[in-house]
């Protein structure tokens, strides 16, 4: 994951109780500069919080087209 990408919690991430408030939230990757690339810093939209997450806690957000969802 690179800085600027939109992310959401993965299935594994949603199963973690300590981040359950972020289940339906989107975040933006702020940095991925950890030497071993396992940790990613994310700023979450709804809660306006910044957390460091393990890479496996996250997945790229799916883009949904609002126009075609009637």
C-alpha atoms as a PDB file:
ATOM      1  CA  UNK A   1       0.000   0.000   0.000  1.00  0.00           C
ATOM      2  CA  UNK A   2       1.188   3.454  -0.845  1.00  0.00           C
ATOM      3  CA  UNK A   3       0.527   6.823   0.742  1.00  0.00           C
ATOM      4  CA  UNK A   4      -2.724   8.338  -0.525  1.00  0.00           C
ATOM      5  CA  UNK A   5      -4.610   5.088  -1.118  1.00  0.00           C
ATOM      6  CA  UNK A   6      -8.094   4.596   0.351  1.00  0.00           C
ATOM      7  CA  UNK A   7      -8.415   1.590   2.643  1.00  0.00           C
ATOM      8  CA  UNK A   8     -10.940  -0.211   4.826  1.00  0.00           C
ATOM      9  CA  UNK A   9     -10.586  -2.982   7.370  1.00  0.00           C
ATOM     10  CA  UNK A  10     -10.063  -6.458   5.959  1.00  0.00           C
ATOM     11  CA  UNK A  11     -12.101  -9.421   7.188  1.00  0.00           C
ATOM     12  CA  UNK A  12      -9.313 -10.095   9.683  1.00  0.00           C
ATOM     13  CA  UNK A  13      -9.261  -6.436  10.760  1.00  0.00           C
ATOM     14  CA  UNK A  14     -13.027  -6.401  11.340  1.00  0.00           C
ATOM     15  CA  UNK A  15     -12.669  -9.376  13.687  1.00  0.00           C
ATOM     16  CA  UNK A  16     -10.366  -7.420  16.042  1.00  0.00           C
ATOM     17  CA  UNK A  17     -12.357  -5.987  18.949  1.00  0.00           C
ATOM     18  CA  UNK A  18     -10.074  -3.012  19.607  1.00  0.00           C
ATOM     19  CA  UNK A  19     -10.834  -1.457  16.203  1.00  0.00           C
ATOM     20  CA  UNK A  20     -14.509  -2.420  15.967  1.00  0.00           C
ATOM     21  CA  UNK A  21     -15.520   1.257  15.749  1.00  0.00           C
ATOM     22  CA  UNK A  22     -13.775   1.447  12.346  1.00  0.00           C
ATOM     23  CA  UNK A  23     -15.759  -1.394  10.709  1.00  0.00           C
ATOM     24  CA  UNK A  24     -17.690   0.758   8.210  1.00  0.00           C
ATOM     25  CA  UNK A  25     -15.158   3.554   7.887  1.00  0.00           C
ATOM     26  CA  UNK A  26     -12.742   4.532   5.120  1.00  0.00           C
ATOM     27  CA  UNK A  27      -9.201   5.622   5.768  1.00  0.00           C
ATOM     28  CA  UNK A  28      -6.382   7.163   3.809  1.00  0.00           C
ATOM     29  CA  UNK A  29      -2.857   5.801   4.032  1.00  0.00           C
ATOM     30  CA  UNK A  30      -0.545   8.482   5.407  1.00  0.00           C
ATOM     31  CA  UNK A  31       2.733   6.589   5.356  1.00  0.00           C
ATOM     32  CA  UNK A  32       4.138   3.176   4.656  1.00  0.00           C
ATOM     33  CA  UNK A  33       7.752   3.927   5.480  1.00  0.00           C
ATOM     34  CA  UNK A  34       8.315   1.106   7.959  1.00  0.00           C
ATOM     35  CA  UNK A  35      11.482  -0.831   7.109  1.00  0.00           C
ATOM     36  CA  UNK A  36       9.748  -4.194   6.899  1.00  0.00           C
ATOM     37  CA  UNK A  37       6.514  -2.787   5.370  1.00  0.00           C
ATOM     38  CA  UNK A  38       4.258  -4.531   7.891  1.00  0.00           C
ATOM     39  CA  UNK A  39       2.961  -1.343   9.560  1.00  0.00           C
ATOM     40  CA  UNK A  40       0.857   1.281   7.808  1.00  0.00           C
ATOM     41  CA  UNK A  41      -0.275   4.627   9.265  1.00  0.00           C
ATOM     42  CA  UNK A  42      -3.938   5.378   8.422  1.00  0.00           C
ATOM     43  CA  UNK A  43      -6.147   8.399   9.087  1.00  0.00           C
ATOM     44  CA  UNK A  44      -9.805   7.360   9.420  1.00  0.00           C
ATOM     45  CA  UNK A  45     -12.535   9.616   8.009  1.00  0.00           C
ATOM     46  CA  UNK A  46     -15.479   9.361  10.430  1.00  0.00           C
ATOM     47  CA  UNK A  47     -13.572   9.296  13.691  1.00  0.00           C
ATOM     48  CA  UNK A  48     -10.801  11.642  12.529  1.00  0.00           C
ATOM     49  CA  UNK A  49      -8.292   9.334  14.243  1.00  0.00           C
ATOM     50  CA  UNK A  50      -4.872   8.143  13.125  1.00  0.00           C
ATOM     51  CA  UNK A  51      -3.750   4.590  13.853  1.00  0.00           C
ATOM     52  CA  UNK A  52      -0.859   2.349  12.921  1.00  0.00           C
ATOM     53  CA  UNK A  53      -2.170  -0.946  11.545  1.00  0.00           C
ATOM     54  CA  UNK A  54      -0.584  -4.166  10.507  1.00  0.00           C
ATOM     55  CA  UNK A  55      -0.824  -4.575   6.748  1.00  0.00           C
ATOM     56  CA  UNK A  56      -3.063  -7.665   7.122  1.00  0.00           C
ATOM     57  CA  UNK A  57      -5.661  -5.582   9.027  1.00  0.00           C
ATOM     58  CA  UNK A  58      -6.388  -3.549   5.875  1.00  0.00           C
ATOM     59  CA  UNK A  59      -7.511  -3.888   2.283  1.00  0.00           C
ATOM     60  CA  UNK A  60      -7.854  -1.389  -0.535  1.00  0.00           C
ATOM     61  CA  UNK A  61     -11.284   0.222  -0.528  1.00  0.00           C
ATOM     62  CA  UNK A  62     -13.640  -0.851  -3.275  1.00  0.00           C
ATOM     63  CA  UNK A  63     -14.853   1.962  -5.501  1.00  0.00           C
ATOM     64  CA  UNK A  64     -18.629   1.946  -5.802  1.00  0.00           C
ATOM     65  CA  UNK A  65     -20.411   3.783  -8.580  1.00  0.00           C
ATOM     66  CA  UNK A  66     -23.372   5.625  -7.044  1.00  0.00           C
ATOM     67  CA  UNK A  67     -25.005   6.307 -10.456  1.00  0.00           C
ATOM     68  CA  UNK A  68     -25.538   2.649 -11.339  1.00  0.00           C
ATOM     69  CA  UNK A  69     -26.941   1.613  -7.936  1.00  0.00           C
ATOM     70  CA  UNK A  70     -30.656   2.324  -8.325  1.00  0.00           C
END
